[in-house]
């Protein structure tokens, strides 16, 4: 019977909010405070990707024949 070796432990990353070591319960954060701050930023729309909106009429004028 062949058994695979155990996977190496994953490197611990610091809390993305404050840089302290992450805690398993709040991973990837170090505390509920940092997790709540991050959630608040999501809800406020701070984490959004800027998009350049196109004018529909301008794209119609470029259509090839």
PDB file of N, CA and C in Angstrom:
ATOM      1  N   UNK A   1       0.843  -1.166   0.000  1.00  0.00           N
ATOM      2  CA  UNK A   1       0.000   0.000   0.000  1.00  0.00           C
ATOM      3  C   UNK A   1       0.901   1.246   0.000  1.00  0.00           C
ATOM      4  N   UNK A   2       0.651   2.119  -0.939  1.00  0.00           N
ATOM      5  CA  UNK A   2       1.457   3.328  -1.078  1.00  0.00           C
ATOM      6  C   UNK A   2       0.752   4.507  -0.405  1.00  0.00           C
ATOM      7  N   UNK A   3       1.474   5.211   0.415  1.00  0.00           N
ATOM      8  CA  UNK A   3       0.920   6.413   1.038  1.00  0.00           C
ATOM      9  C   UNK A   3       1.776   7.608   0.641  1.00  0.00           C
ATOM     10  N   UNK A   4       1.110   8.691   0.332  1.00  0.00           N
ATOM     11  CA  UNK A   4       1.825   9.907  -0.040  1.00  0.00           C
ATOM     12  C   UNK A   4       2.377  10.582   1.212  1.00  0.00           C
ATOM     13  N   UNK A   5       3.522  11.242   1.074  1.00  0.00           N
ATOM     14  CA  UNK A   5       4.058  11.943   2.242  1.00  0.00           C
ATOM     15  C   UNK A   5       3.139  13.106   2.615  1.00  0.00           C
ATOM     16  N   UNK A   6       3.122  13.469   3.875  1.00  0.00           N
ATOM     17  CA  UNK A   6       2.255  14.585   4.289  1.00  0.00           C
ATOM     18  C   UNK A   6       2.694  15.883   3.608  1.00  0.00           C
ATOM     19  N   UNK A   7       1.733  16.712   3.324  1.00  0.00           N
ATOM     20  CA  UNK A   7       2.027  17.997   2.689  1.00  0.00           C
ATOM     21  C   UNK A   7       2.766  18.886   3.678  1.00  0.00           C
ATOM     22  N   UNK A   8       3.719  19.671   3.177  1.00  0.00           N
ATOM     23  CA  UNK A   8       4.427  20.569   4.099  1.00  0.00           C
ATOM     24  C   UNK A   8       3.474  21.631   4.634  1.00  0.00           C
ATOM     25  N   UNK A   9       3.694  22.082   5.844  1.00  0.00           N
ATOM     26  CA  UNK A   9       2.794  23.105   6.406  1.00  0.00           C
ATOM     27  C   UNK A   9       2.882  24.385   5.581  1.00  0.00           C
ATOM     28  N   UNK A  10       1.738  25.028   5.435  1.00  0.00           N
ATOM     29  CA  UNK A  10       1.695  26.276   4.684  1.00  0.00           C
ATOM     30  C   UNK A  10       2.363  27.380   5.488  1.00  0.00           C
ATOM     31  N   UNK A  11       3.052  28.232   4.789  1.00  0.00           N
ATOM     32  CA  UNK A  11       3.706  29.358   5.456  1.00  0.00           C
ATOM     33  C   UNK A  11       2.645  30.293   6.015  1.00  0.00           C
ATOM     34  N   UNK A  12       2.849  30.711   7.231  1.00  0.00           N
ATOM     35  CA  UNK A  12       1.911  31.636   7.860  1.00  0.00           C
ATOM     36  C   UNK A  12       2.102  33.027   7.266  1.00  0.00           C
ATOM     37  N   UNK A  13       1.033  33.605   6.806  1.00  0.00           N
ATOM     38  CA  UNK A  13       1.078  34.962   6.289  1.00  0.00           C
ATOM     39  C   UNK A  13       0.609  35.911   7.385  1.00  0.00           C
ATOM     40  N   UNK A  14       1.152  37.104   7.393  1.00  0.00           N
ATOM     41  CA  UNK A  14       0.707  38.065   8.403  1.00  0.00           C
ATOM     42  C   UNK A  14      -0.686  38.600   8.074  1.00  0.00           C
ATOM     43  N   UNK A  15      -1.303  39.187   9.050  1.00  0.00           N
ATOM     44  CA  UNK A  15      -2.614  39.808   8.887  1.00  0.00           C
ATOM     45  C   UNK A  15      -2.511  40.874   7.798  1.00  0.00           C
ATOM     46  N   UNK A  16      -3.394  40.847   6.793  1.00  0.00           N
ATOM     47  CA  UNK A  16      -3.313  41.845   5.727  1.00  0.00           C
ATOM     48  C   UNK A  16      -3.658  43.256   6.191  1.00  0.00           C
ATOM     49  N   UNK A  17      -4.264  43.381   7.340  1.00  0.00           N
ATOM     50  CA  UNK A  17      -4.662  44.692   7.859  1.00  0.00           C
ATOM     51  C   UNK A  17      -3.553  45.359   8.659  1.00  0.00           C
ATOM     52  N   UNK A  18      -2.954  44.610   9.613  1.00  0.00           N
ATOM     53  CA  UNK A  18      -1.984  45.242  10.512  1.00  0.00           C
ATOM     54  C   UNK A  18      -0.595  44.608  10.470  1.00  0.00           C
ATOM     55  N   UNK A  19      -0.468  43.422   9.893  1.00  0.00           N
ATOM     56  CA  UNK A  19       0.840  42.781   9.781  1.00  0.00           C
ATOM     57  C   UNK A  19       1.199  41.854  10.923  1.00  0.00           C
ATOM     58  N   UNK A  20       0.348  41.743  11.932  1.00  0.00           N
ATOM     59  CA  UNK A  20       0.607  40.817  13.039  1.00  0.00           C
ATOM     60  C   UNK A  20       0.373  39.386  12.553  1.00  0.00           C
ATOM     61  N   UNK A  21       0.881  38.392  13.293  1.00  0.00           N
ATOM     62  CA  UNK A  21       0.643  36.994  12.894  1.00  0.00           C
ATOM     63  C   UNK A  21      -0.854  36.670  12.878  1.00  0.00           C
ATOM     64  N   UNK A  22      -1.285  35.936  11.874  1.00  0.00           N
ATOM     65  CA  UNK A  22      -2.692  35.553  11.744  1.00  0.00           C
ATOM     66  C   UNK A  22      -3.057  34.514  12.803  1.00  0.00           C
ATOM     67  N   UNK A  23      -4.312  34.525  13.211  1.00  0.00           N
ATOM     68  CA  UNK A  23      -4.848  33.574  14.180  1.00  0.00           C
ATOM     69  C   UNK A  23      -5.822  32.671  13.427  1.00  0.00           C
ATOM     70  N   UNK A  24      -5.743  31.362  13.678  1.00  0.00           N
ATOM     71  CA  UNK A  24      -6.557  30.398  12.934  1.00  0.00           C
ATOM     72  C   UNK A  24      -8.043  30.749  12.966  1.00  0.00           C
ATOM     73  N   UNK A  25      -8.537  31.193  14.084  1.00  0.00           N
ATOM     74  CA  UNK A  25      -9.977  31.487  14.203  1.00  0.00           C
ATOM     75  C   UNK A  25     -10.425  32.616  13.271  1.00  0.00           C
ATOM     76  N   UNK A  26      -9.554  33.595  13.039  1.00  0.00           N
ATOM     77  CA  UNK A  26      -9.909  34.765  12.228  1.00  0.00           C
ATOM     78  C   UNK A  26      -9.141  34.809  10.904  1.00  0.00           C
ATOM     79  N   UNK A  27      -8.499  33.719  10.569  1.00  0.00           N
ATOM     80  CA  UNK A  27      -7.639  33.700   9.386  1.00  0.00           C
ATOM     81  C   UNK A  27      -8.332  34.247   8.172  1.00  0.00           C
ATOM     82  N   UNK A  28      -7.732  35.120   7.417  1.00  0.00           N
ATOM     83  CA  UNK A  28      -6.319  35.499   7.407  1.00  0.00           C
ATOM     84  C   UNK A  28      -5.980  36.654   8.332  1.00  0.00           C
ATOM     85  N   UNK A  29      -6.886  37.051   9.200  1.00  0.00           N
ATOM     86  CA  UNK A  29      -6.660  38.189  10.076  1.00  0.00           C
ATOM     87  C   UNK A  29      -6.144  37.735  11.435  1.00  0.00           C
ATOM     88  N   UNK A  30      -5.721  38.716  12.239  1.00  0.00           N
ATOM     89  CA  UNK A  30      -5.193  38.402  13.566  1.00  0.00           C
ATOM     90  C   UNK A  30      -6.258  38.515  14.641  1.00  0.00           C
ATOM     91  N   UNK A  31      -7.353  39.215  14.343  1.00  0.00           N
ATOM     92  CA  UNK A  31      -8.386  39.434  15.362  1.00  0.00           C
ATOM     93  C   UNK A  31      -9.715  39.758  14.694  1.00  0.00           C
ATOM     94  N   UNK A  32     -10.763  39.739  15.494  1.00  0.00           N
ATOM     95  CA  UNK A  32     -12.073  40.097  14.949  1.00  0.00           C
ATOM     96  C   UNK A  32     -12.100  41.580  14.578  1.00  0.00           C
ATOM     97  N   UNK A  33     -11.318  42.404  15.259  1.00  0.00           N
ATOM     98  CA  UNK A  33     -11.264  43.829  14.934  1.00  0.00           C
ATOM     99  C   UNK A  33     -10.762  44.035  13.503  1.00  0.00           C
ATOM    100  N   UNK A  34      -9.646  43.398  13.152  1.00  0.00           N
ATOM    101  CA  UNK A  34      -9.104  43.550  11.797  1.00  0.00           C
ATOM    102  C   UNK A  34     -10.070  42.969  10.760  1.00  0.00           C
ATOM    103  N   UNK A  35     -10.722  41.864  11.091  1.00  0.00           N
ATOM    104  CA  UNK A  35     -11.702  41.276  10.164  1.00  0.00           C
ATOM    105  C   UNK A  35     -12.882  42.226   9.967  1.00  0.00           C
ATOM    106  N   UNK A  36     -13.343  42.854  11.043  1.00  0.00           N
ATOM    107  CA  UNK A  36     -14.469  43.791  10.945  1.00  0.00           C
ATOM    108  C   UNK A  36     -14.098  45.043  10.154  1.00  0.00           C
ATOM    109  N   UNK A  37     -12.881  45.529  10.335  1.00  0.00           N
ATOM    110  CA  UNK A  37     -12.432  46.689   9.561  1.00  0.00           C
ATOM    111  C   UNK A  37     -12.431  46.348   8.072  1.00  0.00           C
ATOM    112  N   UNK A  38     -11.928  45.173   7.728  1.00  0.00           N
ATOM    113  CA  UNK A  38     -11.889  44.750   6.327  1.00  0.00           C
ATOM    114  C   UNK A  38     -13.301  44.596   5.764  1.00  0.00           C
ATOM    115  N   UNK A  39     -14.202  44.006   6.537  1.00  0.00           N
ATOM    116  CA  UNK A  39     -15.588  43.857   6.096  1.00  0.00           C
ATOM    117  C   UNK A  39     -16.225  45.227   5.860  1.00  0.00           C
ATOM    118  N   UNK A  40     -15.961  46.169   6.750  1.00  0.00           N
ATOM    119  CA  UNK A  40     -16.481  47.518   6.573  1.00  0.00           C
ATOM    120  C   UNK A  40     -15.985  48.158   5.288  1.00  0.00           C
ATOM    121  N   UNK A  41     -14.749  47.913   4.946  1.00  0.00           N
ATOM    122  CA  UNK A  41     -14.214  48.444   3.693  1.00  0.00           C
ATOM    123  C   UNK A  41     -14.908  47.828   2.489  1.00  0.00           C
ATOM    124  N   UNK A  42     -15.185  46.527   2.545  1.00  0.00           N
ATOM    125  CA  UNK A  42     -15.921  45.878   1.450  1.00  0.00           C
ATOM    126  C   UNK A  42     -17.309  46.492   1.319  1.00  0.00           C
ATOM    127  N   UNK A  43     -17.990  46.661   2.444  1.00  0.00           N
ATOM    128  CA  UNK A  43     -19.350  47.173   2.403  1.00  0.00           C
ATOM    129  C   UNK A  43     -19.417  48.628   1.954  1.00  0.00           C
ATOM    130  N   UNK A  44     -18.373  49.404   2.219  1.00  0.00           N
ATOM    131  CA  UNK A  44     -18.320  50.798   1.785  1.00  0.00           C
ATOM    132  C   UNK A  44     -17.916  50.937   0.316  1.00  0.00           C
ATOM    133  N   UNK A  45     -17.483  49.841  -0.294  1.00  0.00           N
ATOM    134  CA  UNK A  45     -17.067  49.900  -1.693  1.00  0.00           C
ATOM    135  C   UNK A  45     -15.634  50.347  -1.880  1.00  0.00           C
ATOM    136  N   UNK A  46     -14.815  50.272  -0.831  1.00  0.00           N
ATOM    137  CA  UNK A  46     -13.414  50.677  -0.953  1.00  0.00           C
ATOM    138  C   UNK A  46     -12.606  49.724  -1.831  1.00  0.00           C
ATOM    139  N   UNK A  47     -13.019  48.468  -1.911  1.00  0.00           N
ATOM    140  CA  UNK A  47     -12.323  47.483  -2.733  1.00  0.00           C
ATOM    141  C   UNK A  47     -13.086  47.317  -4.039  1.00  0.00           C
ATOM    142  N   UNK A  48     -12.860  48.183  -4.957  1.00  0.00           N
ATOM    143  CA  UNK A  48     -13.533  48.062  -6.244  1.00  0.00           C
ATOM    144  C   UNK A  48     -12.508  48.264  -7.346  1.00  0.00           C
ATOM    145  N   UNK A  49     -12.792  47.685  -8.473  1.00  0.00           N
ATOM    146  CA  UNK A  49     -11.918  47.782  -9.630  1.00  0.00           C
ATOM    147  C   UNK A  49     -12.430  48.919 -10.503  1.00  0.00           C
ATOM    148  N   UNK A  50     -11.591  49.908 -10.791  1.00  0.00           N
ATOM    149  CA  UNK A  50     -12.053  50.998 -11.644  1.00  0.00           C
ATOM    150  C   UNK A  50     -12.340  50.495 -13.058  1.00  0.00           C
ATOM    151  N   UNK A  51     -13.421  50.965 -13.624  1.00  0.00           N
ATOM    152  CA  UNK A  51     -13.842  50.536 -14.954  1.00  0.00           C
ATOM    153  C   UNK A  51     -14.066  51.768 -15.811  1.00  0.00           C
ATOM    154  N   UNK A  52     -13.583  51.689 -17.031  1.00  0.00           N
ATOM    155  CA  UNK A  52     -13.824  52.773 -17.976  1.00  0.00           C
ATOM    156  C   UNK A  52     -15.092  52.431 -18.743  1.00  0.00           C
ATOM    157  N   UNK A  53     -16.123  53.212 -18.551  1.00  0.00           N
ATOM    158  CA  UNK A  53     -17.388  52.945 -19.213  1.00  0.00           C
ATOM    159  C   UNK A  53     -17.347  53.487 -20.627  1.00  0.00           C
ATOM    160  N   UNK A  54     -17.946  52.738 -21.534  1.00  0.00           N
ATOM    161  CA  UNK A  54     -17.979  53.136 -22.937  1.00  0.00           C
ATOM    162  C   UNK A  54     -19.348  53.690 -23.283  1.00  0.00           C
ATOM    163  N   UNK A  55     -19.355  54.613 -24.211  1.00  0.00           N
ATOM    164  CA  UNK A  55     -20.595  55.167 -24.718  1.00  0.00           C
ATOM    165  C   UNK A  55     -21.104  54.218 -25.810  1.00  0.00           C
ATOM    166  N   UNK A  56     -22.313  53.742 -25.674  1.00  0.00           N
ATOM    167  CA  UNK A  56     -22.876  52.789 -26.642  1.00  0.00           C
ATOM    168  C   UNK A  56     -22.915  53.355 -28.058  1.00  0.00           C
ATOM    169  N   UNK A  57     -23.222  54.633 -28.204  1.00  0.00           N
ATOM    170  CA  UNK A  57     -23.298  55.246 -29.540  1.00  0.00           C
ATOM    171  C   UNK A  57     -21.917  55.282 -30.196  1.00  0.00           C
ATOM    172  N   UNK A  58     -20.867  55.488 -29.421  1.00  0.00           N
ATOM    173  CA  UNK A  58     -19.535  55.564 -29.971  1.00  0.00           C
ATOM    174  C   UNK A  58     -19.088  54.207 -30.513  1.00  0.00           C
ATOM    175  N   UNK A  59     -19.461  53.101 -29.850  1.00  0.00           N
ATOM    176  CA  UNK A  59     -19.063  51.789 -30.342  1.00  0.00           C
ATOM    177  C   UNK A  59     -19.850  51.392 -31.569  1.00  0.00           C
ATOM    178  N   UNK A  60     -21.080  51.878 -31.739  1.00  0.00           N
ATOM    179  CA  UNK A  60     -21.870  51.580 -32.926  1.00  0.00           C
ATOM    180  C   UNK A  60     -21.274  52.236 -34.170  1.00  0.00           C
ATOM    181  N   UNK A  61     -20.668  53.391 -34.004  1.00  0.00           N
ATOM    182  CA  UNK A  61     -20.118  54.116 -35.139  1.00  0.00           C
ATOM    183  C   UNK A  61     -18.855  53.461 -35.683  1.00  0.00           C
ATOM    184  N   UNK A  62     -18.212  52.566 -34.924  1.00  0.00           N
ATOM    185  CA  UNK A  62     -16.950  51.964 -35.329  1.00  0.00           C
ATOM    186  C   UNK A  62     -17.163  50.633 -36.054  1.00  0.00           C
ATOM    187  N   UNK A  63     -18.352  50.120 -36.124  1.00  0.00           N
ATOM    188  CA  UNK A  63     -18.609  48.821 -36.720  1.00  0.00           C
ATOM    189  C   UNK A  63     -18.142  48.768 -38.188  1.00  0.00           C
ATOM    190  N   UNK A  64     -17.419  47.705 -38.558  1.00  0.00           N
ATOM    191  CA  UNK A  64     -16.986  47.559 -39.965  1.00  0.00           C
ATOM    192  C   UNK A  64     -18.158  47.179 -40.850  1.00  0.00           C
ATOM    193  N   UNK A  65     -18.041  47.480 -42.133  1.00  0.00           N
ATOM    194  CA  UNK A  65     -19.099  47.128 -43.094  1.00  0.00           C
ATOM    195  C   UNK A  65     -19.053  45.692 -43.498  1.00  0.00           C
TER     196      UNK A  65
END
